[in-house]
Amino acid sequence: MDKKKFTSQVLAAIFLYTLFSWILGKDYSMEAIFSELKEGVVFGVIYGIVMWLWYRYKKKTK
């Protein structure tokens, strides 16, 4: 998996998590936006690590 594709998938995951969480939270203050953004970044990092490990595992089994 190339770095550009990997980065775009992680950024999309961060964006979508933040957007949905912020909208469903129904709190539209700046504090809520920053709180949801921090959670989104944590989610994106975990998602990126899992994707990277999955790709390495899949590559070794071939």
N, C-alpha and C. Protein backbone atom coordinates (compact mmCIF):
# COMPACT_ATOMS: atom_id res chain seq x y z
N MET A 1 0.86 -1.17 0.00
CA MET A 1 0.00 0.00 0.00
C MET A 1 0.91 1.23 0.00
N ASP A 2 0.68 2.12 -0.92
CA ASP A 2 1.51 3.31 -0.97
C ASP A 2 1.09 4.33 0.10
N LYS A 3 2.01 5.20 0.42
CA LYS A 3 1.79 6.15 1.52
C LYS A 3 0.65 7.13 1.25
N LYS A 4 0.49 7.51 -0.01
CA LYS A 4 -0.55 8.48 -0.36
C LYS A 4 -1.94 7.89 -0.11
N LYS A 5 -2.14 6.65 -0.52
CA LYS A 5 -3.43 5.99 -0.32
C LYS A 5 -3.69 5.75 1.16
N PHE A 6 -2.67 5.32 1.88
CA PHE A 6 -2.78 5.07 3.32
C PHE A 6 -3.14 6.36 4.06
N THR A 7 -2.44 7.44 3.75
CA THR A 7 -2.69 8.72 4.40
C THR A 7 -4.09 9.23 4.10
N SER A 8 -4.53 9.11 2.87
CA SER A 8 -5.86 9.60 2.52
C SER A 8 -6.95 8.80 3.23
N GLN A 9 -6.75 7.50 3.40
CA GLN A 9 -7.74 6.69 4.11
C GLN A 9 -7.80 7.05 5.59
N VAL A 10 -6.66 7.30 6.20
CA VAL A 10 -6.64 7.68 7.62
C VAL A 10 -7.26 9.06 7.80
N LEU A 11 -6.95 10.01 6.94
CA LEU A 11 -7.55 11.35 7.04
C LEU A 11 -9.06 11.30 6.81
N ALA A 12 -9.50 10.47 5.89
CA ALA A 12 -10.94 10.32 5.66
C ALA A 12 -11.62 9.73 6.90
N ALA A 13 -10.98 8.77 7.55
CA ALA A 13 -11.54 8.17 8.77
C ALA A 13 -11.64 9.22 9.87
N ILE A 14 -10.62 10.04 10.02
CA ILE A 14 -10.64 11.11 11.04
C ILE A 14 -11.77 12.08 10.74
N PHE A 15 -11.87 12.51 9.50
CA PHE A 15 -12.89 13.49 9.11
C PHE A 15 -14.29 12.95 9.34
N LEU A 16 -14.54 11.73 8.86
CA LEU A 16 -15.88 11.16 8.99
C LEU A 16 -16.26 10.90 10.44
N TYR A 17 -15.32 10.39 11.24
CA TYR A 17 -15.60 10.16 12.65
C TYR A 17 -15.94 11.47 13.34
N THR A 18 -15.14 12.50 13.09
CA THR A 18 -15.36 13.80 13.72
C THR A 18 -16.69 14.39 13.29
N LEU A 19 -16.98 14.34 12.01
CA LEU A 19 -18.21 14.92 11.49
C LEU A 19 -19.45 14.24 12.08
N PHE A 20 -19.49 12.92 12.00
CA PHE A 20 -20.66 12.20 12.51
C PHE A 20 -20.81 12.34 14.02
N SER A 21 -19.71 12.27 14.72
CA SER A 21 -19.76 12.39 16.17
C SER A 21 -20.23 13.79 16.59
N TRP A 22 -19.77 14.79 15.87
CA TRP A 22 -20.14 16.18 16.19
C TRP A 22 -21.62 16.42 15.89
N ILE A 23 -22.09 15.92 14.76
CA ILE A 23 -23.49 16.12 14.39
C ILE A 23 -24.42 15.35 15.33
N LEU A 24 -24.08 14.10 15.63
CA LEU A 24 -24.93 13.30 16.50
C LEU A 24 -24.90 13.78 17.95
N GLY A 25 -23.83 14.48 18.33
CA GLY A 25 -23.74 15.02 19.68
C GLY A 25 -24.65 16.21 19.91
N LYS A 26 -25.06 16.88 18.86
CA LYS A 26 -25.96 18.03 18.89
C LYS A 26 -25.45 19.16 19.78
N ASP A 27 -24.14 19.26 19.92
CA ASP A 27 -23.53 20.39 20.63
C ASP A 27 -22.60 21.06 19.63
N TYR A 28 -22.94 22.27 19.23
CA TYR A 28 -22.23 22.92 18.13
C TYR A 28 -21.28 24.01 18.59
N SER A 29 -20.79 23.93 19.81
CA SER A 29 -19.84 24.92 20.31
C SER A 29 -18.43 24.56 19.85
N MET A 30 -17.53 25.53 19.96
CA MET A 30 -16.14 25.30 19.58
C MET A 30 -15.49 24.26 20.48
N GLU A 31 -15.85 24.23 21.74
CA GLU A 31 -15.29 23.24 22.66
C GLU A 31 -15.67 21.83 22.21
N ALA A 32 -16.90 21.66 21.77
CA ALA A 32 -17.35 20.35 21.30
C ALA A 32 -16.62 19.95 20.03
N ILE A 33 -16.40 20.92 19.15
CA ILE A 33 -15.68 20.63 17.91
C ILE A 33 -14.27 20.16 18.21
N PHE A 34 -13.56 20.84 19.10
CA PHE A 34 -12.20 20.46 19.43
C PHE A 34 -12.16 19.13 20.17
N SER A 35 -13.13 18.88 21.02
CA SER A 35 -13.20 17.61 21.72
C SER A 35 -13.41 16.46 20.74
N GLU A 36 -14.34 16.63 19.82
CA GLU A 36 -14.60 15.59 18.83
C GLU A 36 -13.42 15.42 17.89
N LEU A 37 -12.72 16.51 17.59
CA LEU A 37 -11.55 16.42 16.72
C LEU A 37 -10.44 15.62 17.39
N LYS A 38 -10.23 15.84 18.70
CA LYS A 38 -9.23 15.06 19.43
C LYS A 38 -9.58 13.58 19.42
N GLU A 39 -10.85 13.27 19.64
CA GLU A 39 -11.28 11.87 19.60
C GLU A 39 -11.11 11.30 18.19
N GLY A 40 -11.37 12.11 17.19
CA GLY A 40 -11.21 11.67 15.80
C GLY A 40 -9.76 11.36 15.46
N VAL A 41 -8.84 12.16 15.98
CA VAL A 41 -7.43 11.91 15.73
C VAL A 41 -6.99 10.61 16.40
N VAL A 42 -7.45 10.39 17.62
CA VAL A 42 -7.14 9.14 18.31
C VAL A 42 -7.69 7.95 17.52
N PHE A 43 -8.93 8.08 17.07
CA PHE A 43 -9.54 7.02 16.25
C PHE A 43 -8.73 6.80 14.98
N GLY A 44 -8.31 7.88 14.33
CA GLY A 44 -7.53 7.77 13.10
C GLY A 44 -6.19 7.09 13.31
N VAL A 45 -5.54 7.38 14.41
CA VAL A 45 -4.25 6.74 14.71
C VAL A 45 -4.45 5.25 14.94
N ILE A 46 -5.46 4.89 15.71
CA ILE A 46 -5.73 3.48 15.96
C ILE A 46 -6.12 2.78 14.66
N TYR A 47 -6.94 3.41 13.86
CA TYR A 47 -7.35 2.86 12.57
C TYR A 47 -6.13 2.67 11.66
N GLY A 48 -5.24 3.64 11.65
CA GLY A 48 -4.03 3.54 10.83
C GLY A 48 -3.13 2.40 11.26
N ILE A 49 -2.98 2.21 12.56
CA ILE A 49 -2.14 1.12 13.07
C ILE A 49 -2.75 -0.23 12.70
N VAL A 50 -4.06 -0.35 12.87
CA VAL A 50 -4.73 -1.61 12.53
C VAL A 50 -4.61 -1.89 11.03
N MET A 51 -4.79 -0.87 10.20
CA MET A 51 -4.66 -1.06 8.75
C MET A 51 -3.24 -1.49 8.38
N TRP A 52 -2.25 -0.85 8.99
CA TRP A 52 -0.85 -1.15 8.70
C TRP A 52 -0.53 -2.59 9.11
N LEU A 53 -0.98 -3.00 10.31
CA LEU A 53 -0.74 -4.37 10.76
C LEU A 53 -1.45 -5.39 9.87
N TRP A 54 -2.68 -5.08 9.48
CA TRP A 54 -3.42 -5.97 8.60
C TRP A 54 -2.72 -6.13 7.26
N TYR A 55 -2.21 -5.04 6.72
CA TYR A 55 -1.52 -5.10 5.44
C TYR A 55 -0.24 -5.93 5.56
N ARG A 56 0.50 -5.76 6.64
CA ARG A 56 1.73 -6.56 6.85
C ARG A 56 1.39 -8.03 6.99
N TYR A 57 0.34 -8.35 7.73
CA TYR A 57 -0.07 -9.74 7.92
C TYR A 57 -0.51 -10.36 6.58
N LYS A 58 -1.28 -9.60 5.84
CA LYS A 58 -1.79 -10.09 4.55
C LYS A 58 -0.63 -10.31 3.57
N LYS A 59 0.37 -9.43 3.63
CA LYS A 59 1.51 -9.53 2.74
C LYS A 59 2.38 -10.75 3.09
N LYS A 60 2.50 -11.08 4.38
CA LYS A 60 3.31 -12.22 4.80
C LYS A 60 2.67 -13.55 4.44
N THR A 61 1.36 -13.60 4.41
CA THR A 61 0.67 -14.86 4.15
C THR A 61 0.65 -15.23 2.66
N LYS A 62 0.97 -14.31 1.80
CA LYS A 62 0.97 -14.60 0.36
C LYS A 62 2.23 -15.30 -0.06
